[in-house]
Structures are given as structure tokens and as C-alpha cells.
Amino acid sequence: MIWIDRGWQPVAIGFVPSEKAWDQEMKTLGLSDPWPSKPYSAGHTQWIEDRKTGEGRIYVVISDGGERDAFEVISTIVHEAVHVWQFLCRHIGEADPGIEMEAYGIQYITEKLIDAYTSSQGKGRKWL
């Protein structure tokens, strides 16, 4: 698991680099949710509440990254970052965030997910 710097966000946001990391995290949480790999799905974002602490956690998976080019991976990360933002807004009860707040929030989440992806998948920023 790679936890991104959450800044002001009241939830933990994790990039899941592999099925093994997913399985370990589910075990830690006492859950048995299966690896969210679905045919024709480039990514997946999931909200899970830690039963022990009550803390909200958002998990991001990028599927088949090794078989896709940088553009496809980055567009998937942006897509999943929007879902992270949506979960976050729902959690804090924000139905209508300001447009700059939303843009900066999604940008920040995207940048952190790109960093997590490149560092965990053996692809430096030059790959982009």
C-alpha cells in the first residue's frame, strides 16, 4: 500500500500497487473483499471504513498498467482521482464545492496518485 499525503483531507487515500497488497490490506482490516479486477476495467476506486478505527479509507487500483502506455494510465488516474474527490465530498457532506477548490483538489489527488504509480510500478516520471 502506498498512502498518499492526505493534506487537509479527513480520510486516508491509498494506491494499491498489486493484488498482493490488496489482499494484505483486506486482511489487516478483517475483510475478505476480492481484488477488484474486472474485465475491461482500467481502474477502480473503493470506499472502505476501517471497522477498528471508524476511519474512512479510499483505495485506488490501476489495472493492467504494465500493458498500457503512459497516456492511457494517466487518463485512468485522472478518472479515478475524480472518484476519490467524489467520495471525499460525500464523506464531508459537501454537495457543491467551489470550482477552484474542486480543481485544486482533483489536481492534488492526481499528482499524488501519479507519484504512487510511478514509484511502485518501476516507471520513473520520465516514462510520462
N, C-alpha and C. Protein backbone atom coordinates (compact mmCIF):
# COMPACT_ATOMS: atom_id res chain seq x y z
N MET A 1 0.84 -1.18 0.00
CA MET A 1 0.00 0.00 0.00
C MET A 1 0.88 1.23 0.00
N ILE A 2 0.49 2.19 -0.79
CA ILE A 2 1.17 3.47 -0.78
C ILE A 2 0.13 4.51 -0.37
N TRP A 3 0.30 5.06 0.83
CA TRP A 3 -0.63 6.07 1.33
C TRP A 3 -0.16 7.43 0.86
N ILE A 4 -1.04 8.18 0.21
CA ILE A 4 -0.63 9.50 -0.25
C ILE A 4 -0.79 10.50 0.89
N ASP A 5 -0.01 11.56 0.82
CA ASP A 5 -0.10 12.63 1.82
C ASP A 5 -1.50 13.20 1.72
N ARG A 6 -2.25 13.07 2.77
CA ARG A 6 -3.66 13.45 2.72
C ARG A 6 -3.90 14.94 2.89
N GLY A 7 -2.88 15.71 3.29
CA GLY A 7 -3.08 17.14 3.45
C GLY A 7 -4.23 17.42 4.39
N TRP A 8 -5.19 18.19 3.97
CA TRP A 8 -6.34 18.57 4.81
C TRP A 8 -7.43 17.51 4.82
N GLN A 9 -7.33 16.52 3.95
CA GLN A 9 -8.42 15.56 3.76
C GLN A 9 -8.61 14.66 4.98
N PRO A 10 -9.83 14.49 5.43
CA PRO A 10 -10.10 13.73 6.65
C PRO A 10 -10.17 12.22 6.46
N VAL A 11 -9.71 11.73 5.32
CA VAL A 11 -9.71 10.30 5.06
C VAL A 11 -8.33 9.88 4.53
N ALA A 12 -8.03 8.61 4.68
CA ALA A 12 -6.79 8.06 4.14
C ALA A 12 -7.04 7.67 2.68
N ILE A 13 -6.06 7.98 1.83
CA ILE A 13 -6.17 7.65 0.41
C ILE A 13 -4.98 6.78 0.06
N GLY A 14 -5.26 5.56 -0.40
CA GLY A 14 -4.19 4.63 -0.69
C GLY A 14 -4.18 4.16 -2.13
N PHE A 15 -2.99 4.11 -2.69
CA PHE A 15 -2.80 3.50 -4.01
C PHE A 15 -2.42 2.05 -3.77
N VAL A 16 -3.13 1.14 -4.43
CA VAL A 16 -2.89 -0.29 -4.26
C VAL A 16 -2.09 -0.77 -5.46
N PRO A 17 -0.79 -1.06 -5.28
CA PRO A 17 0.06 -1.40 -6.41
C PRO A 17 -0.07 -2.83 -6.94
N SER A 18 -0.72 -3.70 -6.17
CA SER A 18 -0.78 -5.10 -6.61
C SER A 18 -1.90 -5.84 -5.89
N GLU A 19 -2.23 -7.00 -6.43
CA GLU A 19 -3.23 -7.85 -5.78
C GLU A 19 -2.74 -8.31 -4.41
N LYS A 20 -1.45 -8.57 -4.31
CA LYS A 20 -0.87 -8.98 -3.03
C LYS A 20 -1.06 -7.88 -1.98
N ALA A 21 -0.83 -6.63 -2.38
CA ALA A 21 -1.02 -5.50 -1.45
C ALA A 21 -2.49 -5.38 -1.05
N TRP A 22 -3.39 -5.59 -2.00
CA TRP A 22 -4.83 -5.55 -1.72
C TRP A 22 -5.21 -6.61 -0.69
N ASP A 23 -4.75 -7.84 -0.96
CA ASP A 23 -5.07 -8.94 -0.05
C ASP A 23 -4.55 -8.67 1.36
N GLN A 24 -3.35 -8.13 1.47
CA GLN A 24 -2.77 -7.83 2.78
C GLN A 24 -3.58 -6.74 3.49
N GLU A 25 -3.99 -5.72 2.75
CA GLU A 25 -4.78 -4.64 3.34
C GLU A 25 -6.13 -5.15 3.82
N MET A 26 -6.79 -6.00 3.02
CA MET A 26 -8.08 -6.56 3.42
C MET A 26 -7.91 -7.41 4.68
N LYS A 27 -6.83 -8.17 4.74
CA LYS A 27 -6.55 -8.98 5.92
C LYS A 27 -6.36 -8.09 7.15
N THR A 28 -5.62 -7.01 6.99
CA THR A 28 -5.40 -6.05 8.08
C THR A 28 -6.72 -5.47 8.59
N LEU A 29 -7.64 -5.21 7.66
CA LEU A 29 -8.94 -4.64 8.01
C LEU A 29 -9.95 -5.69 8.47
N GLY A 30 -9.59 -6.97 8.36
CA GLY A 30 -10.52 -8.03 8.74
C GLY A 30 -11.62 -8.22 7.71
N LEU A 31 -11.33 -7.92 6.45
CA LEU A 31 -12.31 -8.05 5.37
C LEU A 31 -11.85 -9.11 4.39
N SER A 32 -12.74 -9.52 3.54
CA SER A 32 -12.39 -10.50 2.52
C SER A 32 -12.77 -10.03 1.12
N ASP A 33 -12.84 -8.71 0.93
CA ASP A 33 -13.19 -8.18 -0.39
C ASP A 33 -12.19 -8.68 -1.43
N PRO A 34 -12.68 -9.23 -2.54
CA PRO A 34 -11.77 -9.75 -3.56
C PRO A 34 -11.08 -8.61 -4.34
N TRP A 35 -9.94 -8.92 -4.93
CA TRP A 35 -9.21 -7.99 -5.79
C TRP A 35 -10.17 -7.43 -6.83
N PRO A 36 -10.27 -6.12 -6.95
CA PRO A 36 -11.29 -5.52 -7.82
C PRO A 36 -10.89 -5.46 -9.29
N SER A 37 -10.40 -6.54 -9.83
CA SER A 37 -10.01 -6.59 -11.23
C SER A 37 -11.21 -7.08 -12.03
N LYS A 38 -11.68 -6.24 -12.91
CA LYS A 38 -12.84 -6.59 -13.72
C LYS A 38 -12.44 -6.51 -15.19
N PRO A 39 -12.95 -7.40 -16.02
CA PRO A 39 -12.63 -7.32 -17.45
C PRO A 39 -12.98 -5.94 -18.02
N TYR A 40 -12.11 -5.41 -18.80
CA TYR A 40 -12.31 -4.14 -19.49
C TYR A 40 -12.36 -2.94 -18.54
N SER A 41 -11.89 -3.11 -17.33
CA SER A 41 -11.86 -2.01 -16.37
C SER A 41 -10.42 -1.56 -16.22
N ALA A 42 -10.17 -0.30 -16.47
CA ALA A 42 -8.80 0.23 -16.39
C ALA A 42 -8.42 0.60 -14.96
N GLY A 43 -9.41 0.87 -14.13
CA GLY A 43 -9.13 1.25 -12.76
C GLY A 43 -10.34 1.05 -11.87
N HIS A 44 -10.11 1.26 -10.59
CA HIS A 44 -11.18 1.05 -9.62
C HIS A 44 -10.89 1.90 -8.39
N THR A 45 -11.91 2.55 -7.86
CA THR A 45 -11.79 3.29 -6.61
C THR A 45 -12.87 2.80 -5.67
N GLN A 46 -12.48 2.55 -4.43
CA GLN A 46 -13.42 1.97 -3.47
C GLN A 46 -13.30 2.64 -2.12
N TRP A 47 -14.44 2.91 -1.51
CA TRP A 47 -14.53 3.45 -0.15
C TRP A 47 -14.68 2.27 0.81
N ILE A 48 -13.85 2.25 1.84
CA ILE A 48 -13.98 1.24 2.89
C ILE A 48 -13.79 1.94 4.23
N GLU A 49 -14.65 1.61 5.18
CA GLU A 49 -14.48 2.16 6.53
C GLU A 49 -13.76 1.13 7.39
N ASP A 50 -12.71 1.58 8.06
CA ASP A 50 -11.95 0.71 8.96
C ASP A 50 -12.83 0.44 10.18
N ARG A 51 -13.20 -0.81 10.38
CA ARG A 51 -14.10 -1.17 11.49
C ARG A 51 -13.47 -0.91 12.85
N LYS A 52 -12.15 -1.00 12.93
CA LYS A 52 -11.45 -0.82 14.20
C LYS A 52 -11.38 0.65 14.62
N THR A 53 -11.10 1.53 13.65
CA THR A 53 -10.91 2.95 13.98
C THR A 53 -12.07 3.83 13.55
N GLY A 54 -12.92 3.34 12.65
CA GLY A 54 -14.00 4.15 12.11
C GLY A 54 -13.52 5.11 11.04
N GLU A 55 -12.24 5.07 10.72
CA GLU A 55 -11.67 5.98 9.72
C GLU A 55 -12.08 5.55 8.32
N GLY A 56 -12.43 6.55 7.51
CA GLY A 56 -12.73 6.29 6.11
C GLY A 56 -11.45 6.13 5.32
N ARG A 57 -11.45 5.19 4.41
CA ARG A 57 -10.30 4.96 3.55
C ARG A 57 -10.78 4.84 2.10
N ILE A 58 -10.00 5.42 1.22
CA ILE A 58 -10.30 5.33 -0.20
C ILE A 58 -9.13 4.61 -0.86
N TYR A 59 -9.44 3.56 -1.60
CA TYR A 59 -8.41 2.76 -2.26
C TYR A 59 -8.53 2.93 -3.77
N VAL A 60 -7.37 3.09 -4.42
CA VAL A 60 -7.32 3.25 -5.88
C VAL A 60 -6.47 2.15 -6.47
N VAL A 61 -7.03 1.47 -7.48
CA VAL A 61 -6.35 0.40 -8.20
C VAL A 61 -6.29 0.81 -9.67
N ILE A 62 -5.11 0.67 -10.28
CA ILE A 62 -4.96 0.87 -11.72
C ILE A 62 -4.64 -0.49 -12.31
N SER A 63 -5.55 -1.00 -13.14
CA SER A 63 -5.43 -2.36 -13.67
C SER A 63 -4.54 -2.41 -14.90
N ASP A 64 -3.81 -3.51 -15.02
CA ASP A 64 -3.01 -3.80 -16.21
C ASP A 64 -2.12 -2.65 -16.65
N GLY A 65 -1.58 -1.91 -15.70
CA GLY A 65 -0.74 -0.76 -16.02
C GLY A 65 0.48 -1.11 -16.83
N GLY A 66 1.04 -2.29 -16.62
CA GLY A 66 2.24 -2.66 -17.34
C GLY A 66 2.02 -2.88 -18.82
N GLU A 67 0.77 -3.07 -19.21
CA GLU A 67 0.45 -3.36 -20.61
C GLU A 67 -0.10 -2.14 -21.34
N ARG A 68 -0.13 -1.00 -20.70
CA ARG A 68 -0.73 0.19 -21.31
C ARG A 68 0.30 1.29 -21.40
N ASP A 69 0.09 2.20 -22.36
CA ASP A 69 1.05 3.29 -22.49
C ASP A 69 0.75 4.39 -21.47
N ALA A 70 1.67 5.33 -21.36
CA ALA A 70 1.59 6.38 -20.34
C ALA A 70 0.29 7.18 -20.44
N PHE A 71 -0.13 7.52 -21.64
CA PHE A 71 -1.34 8.32 -21.80
C PHE A 71 -2.56 7.60 -21.23
N GLU A 72 -2.69 6.31 -21.52
CA GLU A 72 -3.82 5.54 -21.00
C GLU A 72 -3.80 5.46 -19.48
N VAL A 73 -2.62 5.25 -18.92
CA VAL A 73 -2.51 5.17 -17.47
C VAL A 73 -2.85 6.50 -16.82
N ILE A 74 -2.30 7.59 -17.35
CA ILE A 74 -2.56 8.91 -16.77
C ILE A 74 -4.04 9.26 -16.88
N SER A 75 -4.67 9.00 -18.01
CA SER A 75 -6.09 9.33 -18.13
C SER A 75 -6.92 8.49 -17.14
N THR A 76 -6.52 7.25 -16.90
CA THR A 76 -7.20 6.42 -15.90
C THR A 76 -7.00 6.98 -14.51
N ILE A 77 -5.78 7.42 -14.20
CA ILE A 77 -5.52 8.01 -12.88
C ILE A 77 -6.36 9.26 -12.68
N VAL A 78 -6.47 10.10 -13.69
CA VAL A 78 -7.33 11.30 -13.56
C VAL A 78 -8.77 10.88 -13.30
N HIS A 79 -9.25 9.90 -14.05
CA HIS A 79 -10.61 9.40 -13.87
C HIS A 79 -10.83 8.93 -12.43
N GLU A 80 -9.89 8.13 -11.92
CA GLU A 80 -10.02 7.61 -10.56
C GLU A 80 -9.87 8.72 -9.52
N ALA A 81 -9.04 9.73 -9.80
CA ALA A 81 -8.89 10.88 -8.89
C ALA A 81 -10.22 11.62 -8.73
N VAL A 82 -10.99 11.70 -9.80
CA VAL A 82 -12.32 12.33 -9.70
C VAL A 82 -13.21 11.51 -8.77
N HIS A 83 -13.15 10.19 -8.87
CA HIS A 83 -13.93 9.36 -7.95
C HIS A 83 -13.47 9.55 -6.50
N VAL A 84 -12.16 9.65 -6.29
CA VAL A 84 -11.66 9.92 -4.94
C VAL A 84 -12.28 11.23 -4.44
N TRP A 85 -12.26 12.25 -5.26
CA TRP A 85 -12.84 13.55 -4.89
C TRP A 85 -14.32 13.41 -4.55
N GLN A 86 -15.05 12.65 -5.37
CA GLN A 86 -16.48 12.45 -5.13
C GLN A 86 -16.73 11.76 -3.79
N PHE A 87 -15.97 10.70 -3.50
CA PHE A 87 -16.10 10.02 -2.21
C PHE A 87 -15.78 10.97 -1.06
N LEU A 88 -14.73 11.75 -1.22
CA LEU A 88 -14.31 12.69 -0.19
C LEU A 88 -15.40 13.73 0.07
N CYS A 89 -15.95 14.31 -0.99
CA CYS A 89 -17.02 15.31 -0.83
C CYS A 89 -18.24 14.70 -0.16
N ARG A 90 -18.61 13.50 -0.56
CA ARG A 90 -19.75 12.82 0.05
C ARG A 90 -19.51 12.62 1.55
N HIS A 91 -18.28 12.22 1.88
CA HIS A 91 -17.93 11.95 3.28
C HIS A 91 -18.02 13.20 4.15
N ILE A 92 -17.60 14.34 3.63
CA ILE A 92 -17.61 15.57 4.44
C ILE A 92 -18.92 16.36 4.28
N GLY A 93 -19.85 15.83 3.48
CA GLY A 93 -21.15 16.48 3.32
C GLY A 93 -21.10 17.71 2.43
N GLU A 94 -20.15 17.74 1.51
CA GLU A 94 -20.00 18.89 0.61
C GLU A 94 -20.69 18.57 -0.70
N ALA A 95 -21.87 19.17 -0.92
CA ALA A 95 -22.65 18.89 -2.12
C ALA A 95 -22.27 19.80 -3.28
N ASP A 96 -21.68 20.96 -2.97
CA ASP A 96 -21.40 21.93 -4.02
C ASP A 96 -20.07 22.65 -3.76
N PRO A 97 -18.94 21.93 -3.94
CA PRO A 97 -17.65 22.58 -3.68
C PRO A 97 -17.39 23.68 -4.70
N GLY A 98 -16.64 24.67 -4.29
CA GLY A 98 -16.27 25.73 -5.23
C GLY A 98 -15.46 25.16 -6.38
N ILE A 99 -15.55 25.80 -7.54
CA ILE A 99 -14.89 25.23 -8.72
C ILE A 99 -13.37 25.22 -8.58
N GLU A 100 -12.78 26.21 -7.94
CA GLU A 100 -11.33 26.20 -7.74
C GLU A 100 -10.93 25.15 -6.71
N MET A 101 -11.70 25.03 -5.65
CA MET A 101 -11.43 24.01 -4.64
C MET A 101 -11.47 22.62 -5.27
N GLU A 102 -12.47 22.39 -6.10
CA GLU A 102 -12.60 21.10 -6.77
C GLU A 102 -11.43 20.87 -7.72
N ALA A 103 -11.08 21.86 -8.52
CA ALA A 103 -9.98 21.71 -9.48
C ALA A 103 -8.66 21.45 -8.77
N TYR A 104 -8.36 22.22 -7.72
CA TYR A 104 -7.12 22.02 -6.98
C TYR A 104 -7.12 20.68 -6.24
N GLY A 105 -8.27 20.29 -5.72
CA GLY A 105 -8.36 19.01 -5.02
C GLY A 105 -8.09 17.84 -5.95
N ILE A 106 -8.72 17.84 -7.11
CA ILE A 106 -8.51 16.76 -8.08
C ILE A 106 -7.08 16.79 -8.61
N GLN A 107 -6.53 17.98 -8.84
CA GLN A 107 -5.15 18.09 -9.29
C GLN A 107 -4.20 17.48 -8.26
N TYR A 108 -4.38 17.82 -6.99
CA TYR A 108 -3.53 17.31 -5.92
C TYR A 108 -3.60 15.79 -5.82
N ILE A 109 -4.82 15.27 -5.84
CA ILE A 109 -5.01 13.82 -5.76
C ILE A 109 -4.36 13.14 -6.96
N THR A 110 -4.56 13.70 -8.15
CA THR A 110 -3.96 13.14 -9.37
C THR A 110 -2.44 13.10 -9.27
N GLU A 111 -1.84 14.20 -8.85
CA GLU A 111 -0.38 14.25 -8.73
C GLU A 111 0.14 13.20 -7.77
N LYS A 112 -0.52 13.04 -6.63
CA LYS A 112 -0.07 12.07 -5.64
C LYS A 112 -0.26 10.64 -6.15
N LEU A 113 -1.35 10.38 -6.86
CA LEU A 113 -1.56 9.05 -7.42
C LEU A 113 -0.54 8.73 -8.52
N ILE A 114 -0.19 9.73 -9.33
CA ILE A 114 0.85 9.53 -10.35
C ILE A 114 2.18 9.20 -9.68
N ASP A 115 2.52 9.94 -8.63
CA ASP A 115 3.75 9.65 -7.90
C ASP A 115 3.73 8.22 -7.35
N ALA A 116 2.61 7.82 -6.77
CA ALA A 116 2.50 6.47 -6.21
C ALA A 116 2.61 5.41 -7.31
N TYR A 117 1.97 5.66 -8.42
CA TYR A 117 2.01 4.72 -9.53
C TYR A 117 3.44 4.57 -10.06
N THR A 118 4.08 5.69 -10.38
CA THR A 118 5.41 5.61 -10.98
C THR A 118 6.43 5.01 -10.02
N SER A 119 6.31 5.31 -8.74
CA SER A 119 7.28 4.77 -7.78
C SER A 119 7.07 3.27 -7.51
N SER A 120 5.86 2.80 -7.63
CA SER A 120 5.58 1.40 -7.31
C SER A 120 5.63 0.47 -8.52
N GLN A 121 5.52 1.02 -9.69
CA GLN A 121 5.48 0.18 -10.88
C GLN A 121 6.79 0.17 -11.66
N GLY A 122 7.84 0.75 -11.06
CA GLY A 122 9.15 0.75 -11.70
C GLY A 122 9.22 1.65 -12.92
N LYS A 123 8.41 2.68 -12.91
CA LYS A 123 8.40 3.62 -14.03
C LYS A 123 8.63 5.01 -13.46
N GLY A 124 9.75 5.62 -13.80
CA GLY A 124 10.02 6.96 -13.32
C GLY A 124 9.17 7.99 -14.02
N ARG A 125 9.25 9.21 -13.56
CA ARG A 125 8.47 10.28 -14.17
C ARG A 125 8.85 10.49 -15.64
N LYS A 126 10.06 10.11 -16.02
CA LYS A 126 10.47 10.26 -17.43
C LYS A 126 9.62 9.39 -18.33
N TRP A 127 9.04 8.33 -17.77
CA TRP A 127 8.16 7.46 -18.54
C TRP A 127 6.97 8.25 -19.08
N LEU A 128 6.58 9.26 -18.31
CA LEU A 128 5.43 10.07 -18.70
C LEU A 128 5.80 10.90 -19.89
